[in-house]
Amino acid sequence: MARYPQIEALLRRTREVLRTREYSPRTEEAYVGWIERFLRFHGSPHPAALEPKHVEAYLEELALRARLAPKSRNQAASALSFLYREVLGTDPLEGVARARGTRHVPLVLSRREVKAVLQELQGRYRLIGALMYGTGMRVGECVSLRVKDVAKVAFWG
């Protein structure tokens, strides 16, 4: 989008506002990406020139042609809402409907099933699996765990 200096300035301003409000770098990356795709979809006009019907058309495109999941469409809607509300100071998206996802019922294993899964694992993978099961840690938390973290818990526990 380098051909449009006004758009580049708007994206820089969006990044500044996201950082000022302490959004995560991943959220910043996602929001700016959605805003760029939205503007590209409409031929790169300034967002202030676009109306709610343009946002609805874009979200409909994501749903019907791109076949994106409801969570992805809602993330796109949140990015556009942030742009209009926080950066441009307007809120034309107030009436735009959000996507409804299917209700996900989590699968819970019995103790016997967990034991069978853990018996199939060996070495560090078994340790990781047992830690995740016993503590409720996520994968990223578990693999970034260090000896000093465990020693600290063992000492103070």
C-alpha atoms as a PDB file:
ATOM      1  CA  MET A   1       0.000   0.000   0.000  1.00  0.00           C
ATOM      2  CA  ALA A   2       3.013   2.248  -0.430  1.00  0.00           C
ATOM      3  CA  ARG A   3       1.279   4.075  -3.309  1.00  0.00           C
ATOM      4  CA  TYR A   4      -1.091   5.732  -0.853  1.00  0.00           C
ATOM      5  CA  PRO A   5       0.820   7.943   1.616  1.00  0.00           C
ATOM      6  CA  GLN A   6      -2.422   8.907   3.378  1.00  0.00           C
ATOM      7  CA  ILE A   7      -3.169   5.225   4.032  1.00  0.00           C
ATOM      8  CA  GLU A   8       0.391   4.587   5.232  1.00  0.00           C
ATOM      9  CA  ALA A   9       0.044   7.490   7.671  1.00  0.00           C
ATOM     10  CA  LEU A  10      -3.264   6.045   8.895  1.00  0.00           C
ATOM     11  CA  LEU A  11      -1.688   2.618   9.466  1.00  0.00           C
ATOM     12  CA  ARG A  12       1.218   4.226  11.354  1.00  0.00           C
ATOM     13  CA  ARG A  13      -1.285   6.107  13.518  1.00  0.00           C
ATOM     14  CA  THR A  14      -3.197   2.869  14.136  1.00  0.00           C
ATOM     15  CA  ARG A  15       0.021   1.174  15.280  1.00  0.00           C
ATOM     16  CA  GLU A  16       0.774   4.099  17.602  1.00  0.00           C
ATOM     17  CA  VAL A  17      -2.679   3.944  19.188  1.00  0.00           C
ATOM     18  CA  LEU A  18      -2.432   0.159  19.611  1.00  0.00           C
ATOM     19  CA  ARG A  19       0.961   0.517  21.309  1.00  0.00           C
ATOM     20  CA  THR A  20      -0.237   3.383  23.501  1.00  0.00           C
ATOM     21  CA  ARG A  21      -3.121   1.210  24.690  1.00  0.00           C
ATOM     22  CA  GLU A  22      -0.622  -1.627  25.292  1.00  0.00           C
ATOM     23  CA  TYR A  23      -2.082  -4.148  22.851  1.00  0.00           C
ATOM     24  CA  SER A  24       0.170  -7.114  22.194  1.00  0.00           C
ATOM     25  CA  PRO A  25       2.450  -7.085  19.138  1.00  0.00           C
ATOM     26  CA  ARG A  26       0.474 -10.041  17.727  1.00  0.00           C
ATOM     27  CA  THR A  27      -2.787  -8.108  18.032  1.00  0.00           C
ATOM     28  CA  GLU A  28      -1.162  -5.104  16.380  1.00  0.00           C
ATOM     29  CA  GLU A  29       0.031  -7.256  13.505  1.00  0.00           C
ATOM     30  CA  ALA A  30      -3.394  -8.882  13.089  1.00  0.00           C
ATOM     31  CA  TYR A  31      -5.386  -5.630  13.295  1.00  0.00           C
ATOM     32  CA  VAL A  32      -3.185  -3.762  10.825  1.00  0.00           C
ATOM     33  CA  GLY A  33      -3.374  -6.752   8.467  1.00  0.00           C
ATOM     34  CA  TRP A  34      -7.179  -6.799   8.601  1.00  0.00           C
ATOM     35  CA  ILE A  35      -7.340  -3.038   8.026  1.00  0.00           C
ATOM     36  CA  GLU A  36      -5.001  -3.306   5.012  1.00  0.00           C
ATOM     37  CA  ARG A  37      -7.072  -6.131   3.503  1.00  0.00           C
ATOM     38  CA  PHE A  38     -10.270  -4.147   4.084  1.00  0.00           C
ATOM     39  CA  LEU A  39      -8.867  -1.103   2.303  1.00  0.00           C
ATOM     40  CA  ARG A  40      -7.485  -3.217  -0.535  1.00  0.00           C
ATOM     41  CA  PHE A  41     -10.904  -4.883  -0.919  1.00  0.00           C
ATOM     42  CA  HIS A  42     -12.486  -1.457  -1.482  1.00  0.00           C
ATOM     43  CA  GLY A  43      -9.728  -0.111  -3.724  1.00  0.00           C
ATOM     44  CA  SER A  44      -7.767   1.676  -0.974  1.00  0.00           C
ATOM     45  CA  PRO A  45      -9.920   4.732  -0.282  1.00  0.00           C
ATOM     46  CA  HIS A  46      -9.578   6.450   3.083  1.00  0.00           C
ATOM     47  CA  PRO A  47     -11.736   4.614   5.656  1.00  0.00           C
ATOM     48  CA  ALA A  48     -13.512   7.849   6.604  1.00  0.00           C
ATOM     49  CA  ALA A  49     -15.034   7.778   3.111  1.00  0.00           C
ATOM     50  CA  LEU A  50     -16.472   4.288   3.672  1.00  0.00           C
ATOM     51  CA  GLU A  51     -19.825   3.590   5.301  1.00  0.00           C
ATOM     52  CA  PRO A  52     -21.179   0.690   7.394  1.00  0.00           C
ATOM     53  CA  LYS A  53     -22.466  -0.962   4.217  1.00  0.00           C
ATOM     54  CA  HIS A  54     -18.845  -1.215   3.026  1.00  0.00           C
ATOM     55  CA  VAL A  55     -17.840  -2.957   6.255  1.00  0.00           C
ATOM     56  CA  GLU A  56     -20.803  -5.329   5.963  1.00  0.00           C
ATOM     57  CA  ALA A  57     -19.850  -6.112   2.354  1.00  0.00           C
ATOM     58  CA  TYR A  58     -16.297  -6.924   3.419  1.00  0.00           C
ATOM     59  CA  LEU A  59     -17.391  -9.133   6.320  1.00  0.00           C
ATOM     60  CA  GLU A  60     -19.866 -10.881   4.008  1.00  0.00           C
ATOM     61  CA  GLU A  61     -17.013 -11.494   1.558  1.00  0.00           C
ATOM     62  CA  LEU A  62     -14.995 -13.086   4.358  1.00  0.00           C
ATOM     63  CA  ALA A  63     -17.920 -15.312   5.287  1.00  0.00           C
ATOM     64  CA  LEU A  64     -19.188 -16.396   1.894  1.00  0.00           C
ATOM     65  CA  ARG A  65     -16.285 -16.357  -0.534  1.00  0.00           C
ATOM     66  CA  ALA A  66     -13.246 -16.643   1.736  1.00  0.00           C
ATOM     67  CA  ARG A  67     -15.165 -19.012   4.063  1.00  0.00           C
ATOM     68  CA  LEU A  68     -13.376 -17.786   7.164  1.00  0.00           C
ATOM     69  CA  ALA A  69     -14.265 -19.134  10.577  1.00  0.00           C
ATOM     70  CA  PRO A  70     -16.506 -16.981  12.781  1.00  0.00           C
ATOM     71  CA  LYS A  71     -13.615 -16.174  15.151  1.00  0.00           C
ATOM     72  CA  SER A  72     -11.526 -14.843  12.257  1.00  0.00           C
ATOM     73  CA  ARG A  73     -14.425 -12.753  10.960  1.00  0.00           C
ATOM     74  CA  ASN A  74     -14.997 -11.362  14.448  1.00  0.00           C
ATOM     75  CA  GLN A  75     -11.316 -10.489  14.714  1.00  0.00           C
ATOM     76  CA  ALA A  76     -11.600  -8.598  11.420  1.00  0.00           C
ATOM     77  CA  ALA A  77     -14.703  -6.803  12.723  1.00  0.00           C
ATOM     78  CA  SER A  78     -12.870  -5.930  15.953  1.00  0.00           C
ATOM     79  CA  ALA A  79      -9.948  -4.511  13.976  1.00  0.00           C
ATOM     80  CA  LEU A  80     -12.257  -2.336  11.897  1.00  0.00           C
ATOM     81  CA  SER A  81     -14.196  -1.279  14.971  1.00  0.00           C
ATOM     82  CA  PHE A  82     -10.913  -0.274  16.637  1.00  0.00           C
ATOM     83  CA  LEU A  83      -9.900   1.702  13.547  1.00  0.00           C
ATOM     84  CA  TYR A  84     -13.128   3.657  13.394  1.00  0.00           C
ATOM     85  CA  ARG A  85     -13.716   4.113  17.121  1.00  0.00           C
ATOM     86  CA  GLU A  86     -10.189   4.647  18.487  1.00  0.00           C
ATOM     87  CA  VAL A  87      -8.238   6.043  15.525  1.00  0.00           C
ATOM     88  CA  LEU A  88     -10.829   7.947  13.482  1.00  0.00           C
ATOM     89  CA  GLY A  89     -13.109   8.889  16.393  1.00  0.00           C
ATOM     90  CA  THR A  90     -16.345   7.687  14.793  1.00  0.00           C
ATOM     91  CA  ASP A  91     -18.413   4.559  15.310  1.00  0.00           C
ATOM     92  CA  PRO A  92     -20.261   3.614  12.117  1.00  0.00           C
ATOM     93  CA  LEU A  93     -19.986  -0.088  13.017  1.00  0.00           C
ATOM     94  CA  GLU A  94     -22.402   0.030  15.922  1.00  0.00           C
ATOM     95  CA  GLY A  95     -25.148  -1.854  14.045  1.00  0.00           C
ATOM     96  CA  VAL A  96     -22.893  -4.324  12.232  1.00  0.00           C
ATOM     97  CA  ALA A  97     -23.687  -7.871  13.363  1.00  0.00           C
ATOM     98  CA  ARG A  98     -20.939 -10.172  14.597  1.00  0.00           C
ATOM     99  CA  ALA A  99     -20.504 -13.753  13.424  1.00  0.00           C
ATOM    100  CA  ARG A 100     -21.873 -16.525  15.572  1.00  0.00           C
ATOM    101  CA  GLY A 101     -19.677 -19.529  16.029  1.00  0.00           C
ATOM    102  CA  THR A 102     -20.737 -23.059  16.671  1.00  0.00           C
ATOM    103  CA  ARG A 103     -20.785 -24.045  20.296  1.00  0.00           C
ATOM    104  CA  HIS A 104     -17.672 -26.083  21.037  1.00  0.00           C
ATOM    105  CA  VAL A 105     -18.040 -28.691  23.719  1.00  0.00           C
ATOM    106  CA  PRO A 106     -14.607 -29.616  25.071  1.00  0.00           C
ATOM    107  CA  LEU A 107     -13.557 -33.239  25.078  1.00  0.00           C
ATOM    108  CA  VAL A 108     -12.524 -34.484  28.512  1.00  0.00           C
ATOM    109  CA  LEU A 109     -10.574 -37.695  28.897  1.00  0.00           C
ATOM    110  CA  SER A 110     -11.164 -40.083  31.750  1.00  0.00           C
ATOM    111  CA  ARG A 111      -8.303 -40.894  34.152  1.00  0.00           C
ATOM    112  CA  ARG A 112      -7.901 -44.267  32.478  1.00  0.00           C
ATOM    113  CA  GLU A 113      -7.636 -42.634  29.028  1.00  0.00           C
ATOM    114  CA  VAL A 114      -5.087 -40.076  30.281  1.00  0.00           C
ATOM    115  CA  LYS A 115      -3.029 -42.867  31.837  1.00  0.00           C
ATOM    116  CA  ALA A 116      -3.095 -44.790  28.543  1.00  0.00           C
ATOM    117  CA  VAL A 117      -1.948 -41.710  26.599  1.00  0.00           C
ATOM    118  CA  LEU A 118       0.867 -40.950  29.057  1.00  0.00           C
ATOM    119  CA  GLN A 119       2.072 -44.584  28.934  1.00  0.00           C
ATOM    120  CA  GLU A 120       2.549 -44.218  25.173  1.00  0.00           C
ATOM    121  CA  LEU A 121       4.871 -41.246  25.679  1.00  0.00           C
ATOM    122  CA  GLN A 122       8.544 -41.550  26.580  1.00  0.00           C
ATOM    123  CA  GLY A 123      11.269 -39.303  27.995  1.00  0.00           C
ATOM    124  CA  ARG A 124      10.731 -35.577  27.962  1.00  0.00           C
ATOM    125  CA  TYR A 125       7.418 -35.931  26.102  1.00  0.00           C
ATOM    126  CA  ARG A 126       6.029 -38.016  28.940  1.00  0.00           C
ATOM    127  CA  LEU A 127       7.253 -35.426  31.451  1.00  0.00           C
ATOM    128  CA  ILE A 128       5.645 -32.621  29.434  1.00  0.00           C
ATOM    129  CA  GLY A 129       2.374 -34.554  29.147  1.00  0.00           C
ATOM    130  CA  ALA A 130       2.309 -35.351  32.871  1.00  0.00           C
ATOM    131  CA  LEU A 131       3.085 -31.740  33.797  1.00  0.00           C
ATOM    132  CA  MET A 132       0.376 -30.428  31.491  1.00  0.00           C
ATOM    133  CA  TYR A 133      -2.159 -32.871  32.906  1.00  0.00           C
ATOM    134  CA  GLY A 134      -1.209 -32.338  36.526  1.00  0.00           C
ATOM    135  CA  THR A 135      -0.825 -28.570  36.497  1.00  0.00           C
ATOM    136  CA  GLY A 136      -3.142 -27.389  33.723  1.00  0.00           C
ATOM    137  CA  MET A 137      -0.265 -25.681  31.908  1.00  0.00           C
ATOM    138  CA  ARG A 138      -0.487 -24.897  28.225  1.00  0.00           C
ATOM    139  CA  VAL A 139       2.064 -26.350  25.806  1.00  0.00           C
ATOM    140  CA  GLY A 140       3.969 -23.063  25.479  1.00  0.00           C
ATOM    141  CA  GLU A 141       4.150 -22.614  29.237  1.00  0.00           C
ATOM    142  CA  CYS A 142       5.346 -26.153  29.754  1.00  0.00           C
ATOM    143  CA  VAL A 143       8.091 -26.182  27.119  1.00  0.00           C
ATOM    144  CA  SER A 144       9.436 -22.832  28.319  1.00  0.00           C
ATOM    145  CA  LEU A 145       9.633 -24.076  31.916  1.00  0.00           C
ATOM    146  CA  ARG A 146      13.157 -24.003  33.366  1.00  0.00           C
ATOM    147  CA  VAL A 147      14.787 -25.889  36.224  1.00  0.00           C
ATOM    148  CA  LYS A 148      14.967 -22.747  38.355  1.00  0.00           C
ATOM    149  CA  ASP A 149      11.153 -22.378  38.019  1.00  0.00           C
ATOM    150  CA  VAL A 150      10.621 -25.907  39.355  1.00  0.00           C
ATOM    151  CA  ALA A 151      13.234 -25.463  42.092  1.00  0.00           C
ATOM    152  CA  LYS A 152      11.524 -22.275  43.230  1.00  0.00           C
ATOM    153  CA  VAL A 153       8.190 -24.085  43.604  1.00  0.00           C
ATOM    154  CA  ALA A 154       9.788 -27.059  45.337  1.00  0.00           C
ATOM    155  CA  PHE A 155      11.611 -24.809  47.798  1.00  0.00           C
ATOM    156  CA  TRP A 156       8.641 -22.568  48.658  1.00  0.00           C
ATOM    157  CA  GLY A 157       5.918 -25.200  48.243  1.00  0.00           C
END
